[in-house]
N, C-alpha and C. Protein backbone atom coordinates (compact mmCIF):
# COMPACT_ATOMS: atom_id res chain seq x y z
N MET A 1 7.48 -23.94 15.59
CA MET A 1 8.26 -23.12 14.65
C MET A 1 7.32 -22.18 13.90
N PRO A 2 7.63 -20.89 13.82
CA PRO A 2 6.73 -19.96 13.14
C PRO A 2 6.69 -20.22 11.64
N ASP A 3 5.56 -19.94 11.04
CA ASP A 3 5.39 -20.12 9.60
C ASP A 3 6.05 -18.94 8.90
N ASP A 4 7.08 -19.22 8.08
CA ASP A 4 7.78 -18.14 7.40
C ASP A 4 7.53 -18.16 5.90
N ASP A 5 6.50 -18.90 5.44
CA ASP A 5 6.13 -18.92 4.03
C ASP A 5 5.32 -17.65 3.74
N PRO A 6 5.83 -16.75 2.89
CA PRO A 6 5.12 -15.48 2.66
C PRO A 6 3.68 -15.65 2.19
N THR A 7 3.43 -16.64 1.34
CA THR A 7 2.06 -16.84 0.84
C THR A 7 1.12 -17.21 1.98
N ARG A 8 1.57 -18.08 2.87
CA ARG A 8 0.75 -18.47 4.01
C ARG A 8 0.53 -17.29 4.96
N ILE A 9 1.57 -16.48 5.12
CA ILE A 9 1.43 -15.30 5.98
C ILE A 9 0.36 -14.36 5.43
N LEU A 10 0.36 -14.15 4.11
CA LEU A 10 -0.60 -13.24 3.49
C LEU A 10 -2.00 -13.83 3.44
N ALA A 11 -2.15 -15.11 3.72
CA ALA A 11 -3.46 -15.75 3.70
C ALA A 11 -4.25 -15.49 4.99
N GLY A 12 -3.67 -14.76 5.93
CA GLY A 12 -4.35 -14.44 7.18
C GLY A 12 -5.39 -13.35 7.00
N ASP A 13 -6.02 -12.97 8.12
CA ASP A 13 -7.03 -11.91 8.07
C ASP A 13 -6.35 -10.56 7.85
N ALA A 14 -7.11 -9.60 7.31
CA ALA A 14 -6.54 -8.33 6.84
C ALA A 14 -5.77 -7.56 7.91
N PRO A 15 -6.32 -7.32 9.11
CA PRO A 15 -5.55 -6.54 10.09
C PRO A 15 -4.27 -7.24 10.55
N THR A 16 -4.32 -8.57 10.67
CA THR A 16 -3.11 -9.29 11.07
C THR A 16 -2.04 -9.19 9.99
N VAL A 17 -2.45 -9.35 8.74
CA VAL A 17 -1.50 -9.24 7.63
C VAL A 17 -0.94 -7.82 7.55
N ALA A 18 -1.80 -6.83 7.74
CA ALA A 18 -1.36 -5.44 7.66
C ALA A 18 -0.25 -5.17 8.67
N ARG A 19 -0.47 -5.55 9.91
CA ARG A 19 0.54 -5.32 10.94
C ARG A 19 1.83 -6.07 10.60
N THR A 20 1.70 -7.29 10.06
CA THR A 20 2.87 -8.10 9.71
C THR A 20 3.68 -7.48 8.58
N LEU A 21 3.02 -6.77 7.66
CA LEU A 21 3.71 -6.21 6.49
C LEU A 21 4.65 -5.05 6.84
N LEU A 22 4.52 -4.47 8.01
CA LEU A 22 5.45 -3.41 8.40
C LEU A 22 6.87 -3.96 8.42
N GLY A 23 7.78 -3.25 7.75
CA GLY A 23 9.16 -3.69 7.66
C GLY A 23 9.46 -4.52 6.43
N TRP A 24 8.42 -4.98 5.71
CA TRP A 24 8.64 -5.72 4.46
C TRP A 24 9.14 -4.74 3.39
N SER A 25 9.72 -5.28 2.34
CA SER A 25 10.27 -4.43 1.28
C SER A 25 9.56 -4.65 -0.04
N LEU A 26 9.48 -3.58 -0.81
CA LEU A 26 8.95 -3.60 -2.17
C LEU A 26 10.07 -3.16 -3.10
N THR A 27 10.29 -3.93 -4.17
CA THR A 27 11.34 -3.57 -5.12
C THR A 27 10.77 -3.53 -6.53
N SER A 28 11.06 -2.45 -7.24
CA SER A 28 10.71 -2.30 -8.64
C SER A 28 11.92 -1.76 -9.37
N GLU A 29 12.59 -2.63 -10.10
CA GLU A 29 13.83 -2.29 -10.80
C GLU A 29 14.83 -1.68 -9.81
N ALA A 30 15.17 -0.41 -9.96
CA ALA A 30 16.26 0.17 -9.16
C ALA A 30 15.84 0.67 -7.79
N VAL A 31 14.55 0.63 -7.48
CA VAL A 31 14.05 1.24 -6.25
C VAL A 31 13.54 0.18 -5.27
N THR A 32 13.95 0.30 -4.01
CA THR A 32 13.43 -0.55 -2.94
C THR A 32 12.87 0.32 -1.83
N ILE A 33 11.69 -0.05 -1.35
CA ILE A 33 11.00 0.70 -0.29
C ILE A 33 10.72 -0.24 0.88
N ARG A 34 11.03 0.22 2.09
CA ARG A 34 10.68 -0.52 3.31
C ARG A 34 9.38 0.05 3.86
N LEU A 35 8.37 -0.78 4.04
CA LEU A 35 7.04 -0.33 4.43
C LEU A 35 7.02 0.16 5.88
N THR A 36 6.46 1.36 6.07
CA THR A 36 6.36 1.94 7.41
C THR A 36 4.92 2.28 7.81
N GLU A 37 3.98 2.17 6.87
CA GLU A 37 2.58 2.48 7.17
C GLU A 37 1.68 1.71 6.22
N VAL A 38 0.68 1.03 6.77
CA VAL A 38 -0.25 0.23 5.97
C VAL A 38 -1.65 0.36 6.56
N GLU A 39 -2.64 -0.14 5.80
CA GLU A 39 -4.03 0.02 6.22
C GLU A 39 -4.83 -1.19 5.74
N ALA A 40 -5.58 -1.83 6.62
CA ALA A 40 -6.30 -3.06 6.28
C ALA A 40 -7.74 -2.79 5.88
N TYR A 41 -8.24 -3.60 4.92
CA TYR A 41 -9.63 -3.55 4.48
C TYR A 41 -10.14 -4.97 4.31
N ALA A 42 -11.31 -5.26 4.90
CA ALA A 42 -11.87 -6.60 4.86
C ALA A 42 -12.74 -6.79 3.61
N GLY A 43 -13.43 -7.95 3.55
CA GLY A 43 -14.13 -8.33 2.34
C GLY A 43 -15.61 -8.03 2.30
N VAL A 44 -16.34 -8.85 1.54
CA VAL A 44 -17.75 -8.62 1.25
C VAL A 44 -18.57 -8.60 2.54
N GLY A 45 -19.32 -7.53 2.74
CA GLY A 45 -20.23 -7.42 3.87
C GLY A 45 -19.58 -7.23 5.22
N ALA A 46 -18.25 -7.17 5.26
CA ALA A 46 -17.54 -7.12 6.54
C ALA A 46 -16.95 -5.76 6.87
N ASP A 47 -16.86 -4.88 5.88
CA ASP A 47 -16.15 -3.61 6.08
C ASP A 47 -16.73 -2.57 5.13
N PRO A 48 -17.55 -1.64 5.60
CA PRO A 48 -18.16 -0.63 4.73
C PRO A 48 -17.16 0.25 3.99
N ALA A 49 -15.92 0.33 4.48
CA ALA A 49 -14.92 1.16 3.81
C ALA A 49 -14.18 0.41 2.69
N SER A 50 -14.43 -0.87 2.58
CA SER A 50 -13.73 -1.68 1.58
C SER A 50 -14.37 -1.57 0.21
N HIS A 51 -13.55 -1.61 -0.85
CA HIS A 51 -14.08 -1.62 -2.21
C HIS A 51 -14.93 -2.86 -2.46
N ALA A 52 -14.69 -3.94 -1.70
CA ALA A 52 -15.38 -5.20 -1.93
C ALA A 52 -16.63 -5.36 -1.06
N HIS A 53 -16.97 -4.37 -0.29
CA HIS A 53 -18.05 -4.52 0.69
C HIS A 53 -19.36 -4.96 0.05
N ARG A 54 -19.68 -4.42 -1.11
CA ARG A 54 -20.97 -4.73 -1.75
C ARG A 54 -20.86 -5.85 -2.80
N GLY A 55 -19.71 -6.48 -2.89
CA GLY A 55 -19.56 -7.59 -3.82
C GLY A 55 -18.58 -7.31 -4.94
N ARG A 56 -18.45 -8.28 -5.81
CA ARG A 56 -17.46 -8.22 -6.88
C ARG A 56 -17.89 -7.32 -8.02
N THR A 57 -16.96 -6.51 -8.51
CA THR A 57 -17.18 -5.65 -9.67
C THR A 57 -15.96 -5.75 -10.58
N ALA A 58 -16.04 -5.11 -11.74
CA ALA A 58 -14.88 -5.12 -12.64
C ALA A 58 -13.70 -4.43 -11.98
N ARG A 59 -13.96 -3.40 -11.19
CA ARG A 59 -12.87 -2.65 -10.57
C ARG A 59 -12.16 -3.46 -9.49
N ASN A 60 -12.92 -4.17 -8.64
CA ASN A 60 -12.31 -4.82 -7.49
C ASN A 60 -12.04 -6.31 -7.68
N ALA A 61 -12.18 -6.81 -8.89
CA ALA A 61 -12.08 -8.26 -9.14
C ALA A 61 -10.78 -8.86 -8.61
N THR A 62 -9.69 -8.12 -8.69
CA THR A 62 -8.40 -8.63 -8.23
C THR A 62 -8.43 -8.96 -6.74
N MET A 63 -9.24 -8.25 -5.96
CA MET A 63 -9.31 -8.50 -4.53
C MET A 63 -9.79 -9.91 -4.20
N PHE A 64 -10.46 -10.57 -5.13
CA PHE A 64 -10.99 -11.91 -4.91
C PHE A 64 -10.00 -12.99 -5.35
N GLY A 65 -8.84 -12.61 -5.83
CA GLY A 65 -7.93 -13.56 -6.46
C GLY A 65 -7.03 -14.35 -5.54
N GLY A 66 -6.98 -14.03 -4.26
CA GLY A 66 -6.14 -14.79 -3.34
C GLY A 66 -4.90 -14.03 -2.92
N PRO A 67 -4.21 -14.53 -1.90
CA PRO A 67 -3.08 -13.79 -1.29
C PRO A 67 -1.89 -13.62 -2.23
N GLY A 68 -1.28 -12.41 -2.12
CA GLY A 68 -0.06 -12.14 -2.85
C GLY A 68 -0.22 -11.44 -4.18
N LEU A 69 -1.46 -11.08 -4.53
CA LEU A 69 -1.68 -10.32 -5.77
C LEU A 69 -1.61 -8.83 -5.48
N ALA A 70 -1.25 -8.06 -6.51
CA ALA A 70 -1.26 -6.60 -6.41
C ALA A 70 -2.62 -6.09 -6.88
N TYR A 71 -3.30 -5.37 -6.01
CA TYR A 71 -4.54 -4.71 -6.38
C TYR A 71 -4.24 -3.23 -6.53
N VAL A 72 -4.30 -2.72 -7.76
CA VAL A 72 -3.94 -1.34 -8.06
C VAL A 72 -5.16 -0.63 -8.64
N TYR A 73 -5.50 0.51 -8.08
CA TYR A 73 -6.64 1.26 -8.58
C TYR A 73 -6.30 2.75 -8.69
N PHE A 74 -7.10 3.43 -9.50
CA PHE A 74 -6.92 4.86 -9.78
C PHE A 74 -7.96 5.63 -8.98
N VAL A 75 -7.55 6.71 -8.33
CA VAL A 75 -8.47 7.46 -7.48
C VAL A 75 -8.29 8.96 -7.68
N PHE A 76 -9.38 9.70 -7.55
CA PHE A 76 -9.40 11.16 -7.69
C PHE A 76 -8.90 11.64 -9.05
N GLY A 77 -8.89 10.76 -10.04
CA GLY A 77 -8.46 11.13 -11.38
C GLY A 77 -6.99 11.46 -11.49
N MET A 78 -6.18 11.09 -10.47
CA MET A 78 -4.77 11.46 -10.53
C MET A 78 -3.82 10.50 -9.80
N HIS A 79 -4.32 9.65 -8.92
CA HIS A 79 -3.45 8.83 -8.09
C HIS A 79 -3.63 7.33 -8.35
N TRP A 80 -2.52 6.60 -8.36
CA TRP A 80 -2.56 5.14 -8.31
C TRP A 80 -2.28 4.71 -6.88
N CYS A 81 -3.00 3.69 -6.41
CA CYS A 81 -2.79 3.14 -5.08
C CYS A 81 -2.51 1.64 -5.19
N LEU A 82 -1.56 1.16 -4.41
CA LEU A 82 -1.16 -0.24 -4.43
C LEU A 82 -1.59 -0.95 -3.15
N ASN A 83 -2.24 -2.10 -3.32
CA ASN A 83 -2.68 -2.93 -2.21
C ASN A 83 -2.14 -4.34 -2.37
N VAL A 84 -1.94 -5.01 -1.24
CA VAL A 84 -1.59 -6.42 -1.24
C VAL A 84 -2.85 -7.22 -0.91
N VAL A 85 -3.29 -8.07 -1.83
CA VAL A 85 -4.46 -8.92 -1.56
C VAL A 85 -4.08 -9.95 -0.51
N CYS A 86 -4.98 -10.18 0.44
CA CYS A 86 -4.70 -11.13 1.51
C CYS A 86 -5.92 -11.99 1.77
N GLY A 87 -5.76 -12.95 2.67
CA GLY A 87 -6.85 -13.87 2.99
C GLY A 87 -6.98 -14.96 1.94
N PRO A 88 -7.80 -15.97 2.20
CA PRO A 88 -8.03 -17.05 1.24
C PRO A 88 -8.68 -16.51 -0.03
N PRO A 89 -8.52 -17.22 -1.16
CA PRO A 89 -9.19 -16.80 -2.39
C PRO A 89 -10.69 -16.64 -2.17
N GLY A 90 -11.24 -15.54 -2.68
CA GLY A 90 -12.66 -15.29 -2.57
C GLY A 90 -13.07 -14.40 -1.42
N THR A 91 -12.17 -14.14 -0.47
CA THR A 91 -12.54 -13.31 0.68
C THR A 91 -12.44 -11.82 0.37
N ALA A 92 -11.65 -11.44 -0.61
CA ALA A 92 -11.55 -10.07 -1.10
C ALA A 92 -10.97 -9.07 -0.11
N ALA A 93 -10.13 -9.51 0.81
CA ALA A 93 -9.47 -8.59 1.72
C ALA A 93 -8.19 -8.06 1.09
N ALA A 94 -7.73 -6.88 1.56
CA ALA A 94 -6.51 -6.30 1.01
C ALA A 94 -5.90 -5.32 2.00
N VAL A 95 -4.62 -5.03 1.81
CA VAL A 95 -3.90 -4.08 2.64
C VAL A 95 -3.37 -2.96 1.75
N LEU A 96 -3.81 -1.74 2.02
CA LEU A 96 -3.31 -0.58 1.29
C LEU A 96 -1.92 -0.22 1.80
N LEU A 97 -0.98 -0.04 0.90
CA LEU A 97 0.39 0.33 1.27
C LEU A 97 0.46 1.85 1.28
N ARG A 98 0.48 2.43 2.47
CA ARG A 98 0.35 3.88 2.60
C ARG A 98 1.67 4.63 2.51
N ALA A 99 2.74 4.07 3.02
CA ALA A 99 3.99 4.83 3.03
C ALA A 99 5.17 3.91 3.30
N GLY A 100 6.36 4.41 2.95
CA GLY A 100 7.57 3.65 3.21
C GLY A 100 8.81 4.51 3.05
N GLU A 101 9.92 3.94 3.45
CA GLU A 101 11.23 4.60 3.32
C GLU A 101 11.95 4.03 2.10
N VAL A 102 12.41 4.90 1.22
CA VAL A 102 13.21 4.45 0.08
C VAL A 102 14.60 4.10 0.59
N THR A 103 14.94 2.83 0.56
CA THR A 103 16.23 2.36 1.09
C THR A 103 17.26 2.13 -0.01
N ARG A 104 16.81 2.08 -1.26
CA ARG A 104 17.72 1.91 -2.39
C ARG A 104 17.12 2.61 -3.59
N GLY A 105 17.96 3.33 -4.34
CA GLY A 105 17.50 3.95 -5.57
C GLY A 105 16.81 5.28 -5.39
N ARG A 106 17.31 6.12 -4.47
CA ARG A 106 16.65 7.42 -4.26
C ARG A 106 16.70 8.29 -5.52
N ALA A 107 17.79 8.22 -6.27
CA ALA A 107 17.89 9.02 -7.50
C ALA A 107 16.82 8.58 -8.51
N ALA A 108 16.62 7.28 -8.63
CA ALA A 108 15.60 6.76 -9.55
C ALA A 108 14.20 7.15 -9.07
N ALA A 109 13.98 7.11 -7.75
CA ALA A 109 12.67 7.51 -7.21
C ALA A 109 12.39 8.98 -7.49
N ARG A 110 13.42 9.82 -7.38
CA ARG A 110 13.24 11.24 -7.67
C ARG A 110 12.95 11.46 -9.15
N ALA A 111 13.61 10.71 -10.00
CA ALA A 111 13.35 10.83 -11.44
C ALA A 111 11.91 10.43 -11.77
N ARG A 112 11.40 9.42 -11.08
CA ARG A 112 10.02 9.01 -11.31
C ARG A 112 9.05 10.04 -10.79
N ARG A 113 9.39 10.72 -9.71
CA ARG A 113 8.55 11.81 -9.22
C ARG A 113 8.48 12.93 -10.27
N ASP A 114 9.58 13.22 -10.93
CA ASP A 114 9.59 14.23 -11.98
C ASP A 114 8.70 13.83 -13.15
N ALA A 115 8.73 12.53 -13.49
CA ALA A 115 7.97 12.05 -14.64
C ALA A 115 6.47 12.10 -14.37
N GLY A 116 6.07 11.93 -13.10
CA GLY A 116 4.66 11.94 -12.77
C GLY A 116 4.03 10.58 -13.05
N PRO A 117 2.81 10.33 -12.55
CA PRO A 117 2.15 9.05 -12.71
C PRO A 117 1.56 8.86 -14.10
N SER A 118 1.69 7.68 -14.65
CA SER A 118 1.09 7.36 -15.94
C SER A 118 -0.42 7.34 -15.82
N GLY A 119 -1.11 7.95 -16.79
CA GLY A 119 -2.56 7.90 -16.80
C GLY A 119 -3.23 9.03 -16.04
N ALA A 120 -2.46 9.89 -15.41
CA ALA A 120 -3.05 10.97 -14.62
C ALA A 120 -3.38 12.15 -15.51
N GLY A 121 -4.41 12.89 -15.09
CA GLY A 121 -4.80 14.06 -15.84
C GLY A 121 -3.87 15.23 -15.61
N ARG A 122 -3.24 15.28 -14.41
CA ARG A 122 -2.29 16.33 -14.12
C ARG A 122 -1.30 15.84 -13.07
N ARG A 123 -0.22 16.55 -12.90
CA ARG A 123 0.79 16.18 -11.92
C ARG A 123 0.32 16.49 -10.51
N PRO A 124 0.18 15.49 -9.61
CA PRO A 124 -0.21 15.79 -8.24
C PRO A 124 0.78 16.68 -7.52
N ASP A 125 2.07 16.59 -7.88
CA ASP A 125 3.10 17.38 -7.22
C ASP A 125 3.54 18.54 -8.11
N SER A 126 2.62 19.08 -8.89
CA SER A 126 2.95 20.17 -9.79
C SER A 126 3.63 21.30 -9.03
N GLY A 127 4.77 21.74 -9.57
CA GLY A 127 5.51 22.84 -8.96
C GLY A 127 6.58 22.39 -7.99
N ARG A 128 6.63 21.09 -7.67
CA ARG A 128 7.66 20.59 -6.77
C ARG A 128 8.40 19.45 -7.44
N ARG A 129 9.53 19.73 -8.03
CA ARG A 129 10.27 18.74 -8.77
C ARG A 129 10.88 17.71 -7.83
N GLY A 130 11.07 16.48 -8.35
CA GLY A 130 11.56 15.39 -7.53
C GLY A 130 12.89 15.66 -6.87
N ARG A 131 13.77 16.42 -7.55
CA ARG A 131 15.10 16.64 -6.98
C ARG A 131 15.05 17.49 -5.72
N HIS A 132 13.94 18.18 -5.48
CA HIS A 132 13.80 19.00 -4.28
C HIS A 132 13.02 18.31 -3.17
N VAL A 133 12.58 17.08 -3.38
CA VAL A 133 11.79 16.36 -2.39
C VAL A 133 12.71 15.73 -1.34
N PRO A 134 12.47 15.97 -0.05
CA PRO A 134 13.28 15.32 0.99
C PRO A 134 13.16 13.81 0.93
N ASP A 135 14.18 13.10 1.40
CA ASP A 135 14.17 11.65 1.37
C ASP A 135 12.91 11.08 2.01
N ARG A 136 12.49 11.67 3.13
CA ARG A 136 11.35 11.12 3.87
C ARG A 136 10.05 11.19 3.07
N ASP A 137 9.97 12.12 2.09
CA ASP A 137 8.75 12.32 1.33
C ASP A 137 8.70 11.54 0.02
N LEU A 138 9.74 10.81 -0.32
CA LEU A 138 9.77 10.12 -1.61
C LEU A 138 8.65 9.10 -1.75
N ALA A 139 8.31 8.42 -0.65
CA ALA A 139 7.23 7.42 -0.69
C ALA A 139 6.30 7.62 0.50
N ARG A 140 6.10 8.86 0.89
CA ARG A 140 5.28 9.20 2.06
C ARG A 140 3.85 9.48 1.61
N GLY A 141 3.03 8.45 1.59
CA GLY A 141 1.68 8.52 1.08
C GLY A 141 1.47 7.53 -0.05
N PRO A 142 0.25 7.00 -0.23
CA PRO A 142 0.01 5.96 -1.23
C PRO A 142 0.38 6.34 -2.65
N ALA A 143 0.06 7.58 -3.07
CA ALA A 143 0.36 7.99 -4.44
C ALA A 143 1.86 8.17 -4.66
N ARG A 144 2.55 8.72 -3.68
CA ARG A 144 3.99 8.89 -3.80
C ARG A 144 4.70 7.54 -3.82
N LEU A 145 4.18 6.59 -3.05
CA LEU A 145 4.77 5.25 -3.03
C LEU A 145 4.70 4.61 -4.41
N THR A 146 3.55 4.69 -5.07
CA THR A 146 3.44 4.07 -6.39
C THR A 146 4.30 4.80 -7.42
N ARG A 147 4.41 6.12 -7.31
CA ARG A 147 5.26 6.85 -8.25
C ARG A 147 6.73 6.51 -8.04
N ALA A 148 7.15 6.39 -6.78
CA ALA A 148 8.54 6.02 -6.50
C ALA A 148 8.87 4.66 -7.09
N LEU A 149 7.89 3.76 -7.08
CA LEU A 149 8.10 2.43 -7.66
C LEU A 149 7.89 2.41 -9.17
N GLY A 150 7.29 3.46 -9.71
CA GLY A 150 7.08 3.53 -11.15
C GLY A 150 6.00 2.59 -11.65
N ILE A 151 4.95 2.37 -10.83
CA ILE A 151 3.90 1.44 -11.25
C ILE A 151 2.58 2.18 -11.45
N ASP A 152 1.71 1.55 -12.24
CA ASP A 152 0.39 2.10 -12.51
C ASP A 152 -0.59 0.94 -12.64
N GLY A 153 -1.68 1.14 -13.32
CA GLY A 153 -2.72 0.13 -13.43
C GLY A 153 -2.29 -1.15 -14.11
N HIS A 154 -1.19 -1.12 -14.88
CA HIS A 154 -0.72 -2.34 -15.53
C HIS A 154 -0.26 -3.39 -14.51
N ALA A 155 0.03 -2.96 -13.29
CA ALA A 155 0.47 -3.91 -12.25
C ALA A 155 -0.70 -4.61 -11.57
N ASP A 156 -1.92 -4.17 -11.82
CA ASP A 156 -3.07 -4.77 -11.17
C ASP A 156 -3.18 -6.25 -11.56
N GLY A 157 -3.33 -7.11 -10.54
CA GLY A 157 -3.48 -8.54 -10.79
C GLY A 157 -2.18 -9.31 -10.91
N THR A 158 -1.05 -8.62 -10.88
CA THR A 158 0.23 -9.32 -10.99
C THR A 158 0.62 -9.90 -9.63
N ARG A 159 1.53 -10.86 -9.66
CA ARG A 159 1.97 -11.53 -8.44
C ARG A 159 3.14 -10.76 -7.82
N LEU A 160 3.07 -10.61 -6.50
CA LEU A 160 4.07 -9.82 -5.79
C LEU A 160 5.21 -10.64 -5.20
N LEU A 161 5.01 -11.94 -5.04
CA LEU A 161 5.97 -12.74 -4.29
C LEU A 161 6.96 -13.53 -5.14
N ASP A 162 6.59 -13.87 -6.37
CA ASP A 162 7.43 -14.80 -7.13
C ASP A 162 8.33 -14.14 -8.17
N GLY A 163 8.30 -12.79 -8.25
CA GLY A 163 9.17 -12.11 -9.21
C GLY A 163 8.63 -12.04 -10.62
N SER A 164 7.41 -12.52 -10.86
CA SER A 164 6.85 -12.51 -12.21
C SER A 164 6.23 -11.17 -12.58
N GLY A 165 5.96 -10.32 -11.57
CA GLY A 165 5.36 -9.02 -11.83
C GLY A 165 6.37 -7.90 -11.75
N PRO A 166 5.92 -6.66 -11.94
CA PRO A 166 6.84 -5.52 -11.93
C PRO A 166 7.33 -5.13 -10.54
N VAL A 167 6.66 -5.62 -9.49
CA VAL A 167 7.03 -5.29 -8.11
C VAL A 167 7.21 -6.59 -7.33
N VAL A 168 8.26 -6.64 -6.50
CA VAL A 168 8.51 -7.82 -5.68
C VAL A 168 8.39 -7.44 -4.21
N LEU A 169 7.57 -8.19 -3.48
CA LEU A 169 7.35 -8.00 -2.05
C LEU A 169 8.11 -9.07 -1.29
N ALA A 170 8.91 -8.67 -0.30
CA ALA A 170 9.73 -9.63 0.44
C ALA A 170 9.73 -9.31 1.93
N PRO A 171 9.73 -10.35 2.77
CA PRO A 171 9.74 -10.12 4.22
C PRO A 171 11.12 -9.72 4.71
N PRO A 172 11.20 -9.08 5.87
CA PRO A 172 12.49 -8.72 6.45
C PRO A 172 13.14 -9.93 7.10
N ALA A 173 14.35 -9.75 7.59
CA ALA A 173 15.05 -10.85 8.26
C ALA A 173 14.31 -11.29 9.52
N GLY A 174 13.63 -10.34 10.18
CA GLY A 174 12.86 -10.65 11.39
C GLY A 174 11.69 -9.71 11.51
N PRO A 175 10.67 -10.08 12.28
CA PRO A 175 9.49 -9.23 12.42
C PRO A 175 9.79 -7.96 13.20
N VAL A 176 8.99 -6.92 12.94
CA VAL A 176 9.09 -5.68 13.71
C VAL A 176 8.51 -5.92 15.10
N PRO A 177 9.20 -5.53 16.17
CA PRO A 177 8.69 -5.75 17.53
C PRO A 177 7.36 -5.04 17.75
N ASP A 178 6.49 -5.66 18.53
CA ASP A 178 5.18 -5.05 18.81
C ASP A 178 5.31 -3.67 19.44
N ALA A 179 6.33 -3.48 20.26
CA ALA A 179 6.52 -2.19 20.93
C ALA A 179 6.81 -1.06 19.95
N ALA A 180 7.24 -1.40 18.74
CA ALA A 180 7.58 -0.39 17.74
C ALA A 180 6.42 -0.03 16.83
N VAL A 181 5.25 -0.64 17.06
CA VAL A 181 4.10 -0.48 16.16
C VAL A 181 2.98 0.28 16.86
N ARG A 182 2.30 1.15 16.11
CA ARG A 182 1.10 1.82 16.59
C ARG A 182 -0.05 1.49 15.64
N SER A 183 -1.27 1.59 16.14
CA SER A 183 -2.45 1.40 15.30
C SER A 183 -3.47 2.47 15.64
N GLY A 184 -4.33 2.77 14.66
CA GLY A 184 -5.34 3.79 14.87
C GLY A 184 -6.30 3.84 13.71
N PRO A 185 -7.20 4.86 13.66
CA PRO A 185 -8.21 4.97 12.62
C PRO A 185 -7.59 5.08 11.23
N ARG A 186 -8.34 4.60 10.26
CA ARG A 186 -7.89 4.70 8.87
C ARG A 186 -8.05 6.12 8.35
N VAL A 187 -7.36 6.41 7.26
CA VAL A 187 -7.28 7.78 6.75
C VAL A 187 -8.30 8.02 5.64
N GLY A 188 -9.06 9.10 5.77
CA GLY A 188 -9.88 9.58 4.67
C GLY A 188 -11.04 8.71 4.25
N VAL A 189 -11.50 7.77 5.09
CA VAL A 189 -12.63 6.93 4.71
C VAL A 189 -13.90 7.49 5.33
N ALA A 190 -15.00 7.41 4.59
CA ALA A 190 -16.26 7.96 5.08
C ALA A 190 -16.99 6.98 5.98
N ALA A 191 -16.85 5.67 5.70
CA ALA A 191 -17.53 4.64 6.48
C ALA A 191 -16.51 3.92 7.37
N ALA A 192 -16.95 3.50 8.54
CA ALA A 192 -16.09 2.77 9.48
C ALA A 192 -14.77 3.51 9.71
N ALA A 193 -14.87 4.83 9.85
CA ALA A 193 -13.68 5.68 9.95
C ALA A 193 -12.88 5.43 11.21
N ASP A 194 -13.52 4.96 12.27
CA ASP A 194 -12.82 4.79 13.53
C ASP A 194 -12.25 3.38 13.74
N VAL A 195 -12.41 2.52 12.77
CA VAL A 195 -11.84 1.18 12.88
C VAL A 195 -10.31 1.30 12.90
N PRO A 196 -9.64 0.80 13.94
CA PRO A 196 -8.19 1.03 14.09
C PRO A 196 -7.34 0.06 13.28
N TRP A 197 -7.53 0.09 11.98
CA TRP A 197 -6.82 -0.85 11.10
C TRP A 197 -5.70 -0.18 10.30
N ARG A 198 -5.30 0.99 10.72
CA ARG A 198 -4.07 1.59 10.15
C ARG A 198 -2.94 1.26 11.12
N PHE A 199 -1.83 0.78 10.58
CA PHE A 199 -0.67 0.39 11.38
C PHE A 199 0.55 1.14 10.87
N TRP A 200 1.37 1.65 11.79
CA TRP A 200 2.54 2.41 11.37
C TRP A 200 3.66 2.30 12.38
N LEU A 201 4.84 2.74 11.96
CA LEU A 201 6.02 2.77 12.82
C LEU A 201 6.26 4.22 13.21
N PRO A 202 5.92 4.62 14.44
CA PRO A 202 5.97 6.03 14.83
C PRO A 202 7.37 6.63 14.81
N ALA A 203 8.39 5.81 14.87
CA ALA A 203 9.76 6.34 14.85
C ALA A 203 10.22 6.71 13.45
N GLU A 204 9.42 6.39 12.44
CA GLU A 204 9.82 6.62 11.05
C GLU A 204 9.24 7.93 10.51
N SER A 205 10.11 8.76 9.94
CA SER A 205 9.67 10.05 9.41
C SER A 205 8.89 9.92 8.10
N SER A 206 8.92 8.75 7.47
CA SER A 206 8.22 8.55 6.20
C SER A 206 6.72 8.29 6.39
N VAL A 207 6.26 8.12 7.62
CA VAL A 207 4.84 7.88 7.88
C VAL A 207 4.04 9.13 7.51
N SER A 208 2.91 8.95 6.83
CA SER A 208 2.13 10.10 6.36
C SER A 208 1.33 10.71 7.50
N ALA A 209 0.86 11.93 7.29
CA ALA A 209 0.06 12.63 8.30
C ALA A 209 -1.35 12.07 8.33
N TYR A 210 -1.93 11.96 9.53
CA TYR A 210 -3.29 11.45 9.65
C TYR A 210 -4.30 12.55 9.31
N ARG A 211 -5.24 12.19 8.45
CA ARG A 211 -6.32 13.12 8.10
C ARG A 211 -7.64 12.37 8.17
N ARG A 212 -8.49 12.79 9.08
CA ARG A 212 -9.79 12.17 9.23
C ARG A 212 -10.71 12.64 8.10
N HIS A 213 -11.58 11.74 7.62
CA HIS A 213 -12.53 12.10 6.59
C HIS A 213 -13.51 13.16 7.12
N ARG A 214 -13.81 14.16 6.29
CA ARG A 214 -14.78 15.18 6.66
C ARG A 214 -16.01 15.03 5.79
N ALA A 215 -17.12 14.77 6.44
CA ALA A 215 -18.37 14.59 5.70
C ALA A 215 -18.79 15.91 5.07
N PRO A 216 -19.32 15.89 3.85
CA PRO A 216 -19.77 17.13 3.21
C PRO A 216 -20.98 17.72 3.94
N ARG A 217 -21.03 19.04 4.00
CA ARG A 217 -22.15 19.70 4.67
C ARG A 217 -23.35 19.75 3.76
């Protein structure tokens, strides 16, 4: 019989958990998102692209807390990114939630796009109001996903599975078939750029565009 305990599922290795998370849902108050694109990152000394590669810091401490925690960080002075911590406590692996389809609460997601991310220096979508954003773009990309859910750094370290935090992560009724999944290089990382730990559903329009990291000249 397959193990259907979400905590045990998230205790696996990062790429396995990442692929498994496709089709899972995230809910924050009025908005629910079905995950269509994710990206895996391993722990200390195992993955040069991971925040935890060189060890524990104040920024990445949540990654060491065990499966089912939300690891939220601020990047480029304007974006919040949400990750699901995975693996046994102390391994510091995580899965970046890159994109999803808003299946409930599109009006609320658009209103949050208008409000912009808390803590940002400027609006990443300046000039494009939420009411004009196509459905597919509401959570298409890590920063848009967090804005659609209305979360920021206050969610870092909260639990995703038991309903005690601002976001609830839940599995689908059944797993996504292997034939419906693609994998390939991760997006925008300078190290280990060709590691095929990005997983997505190619039939979904909410999947973000692939952009390879460009080294500075």
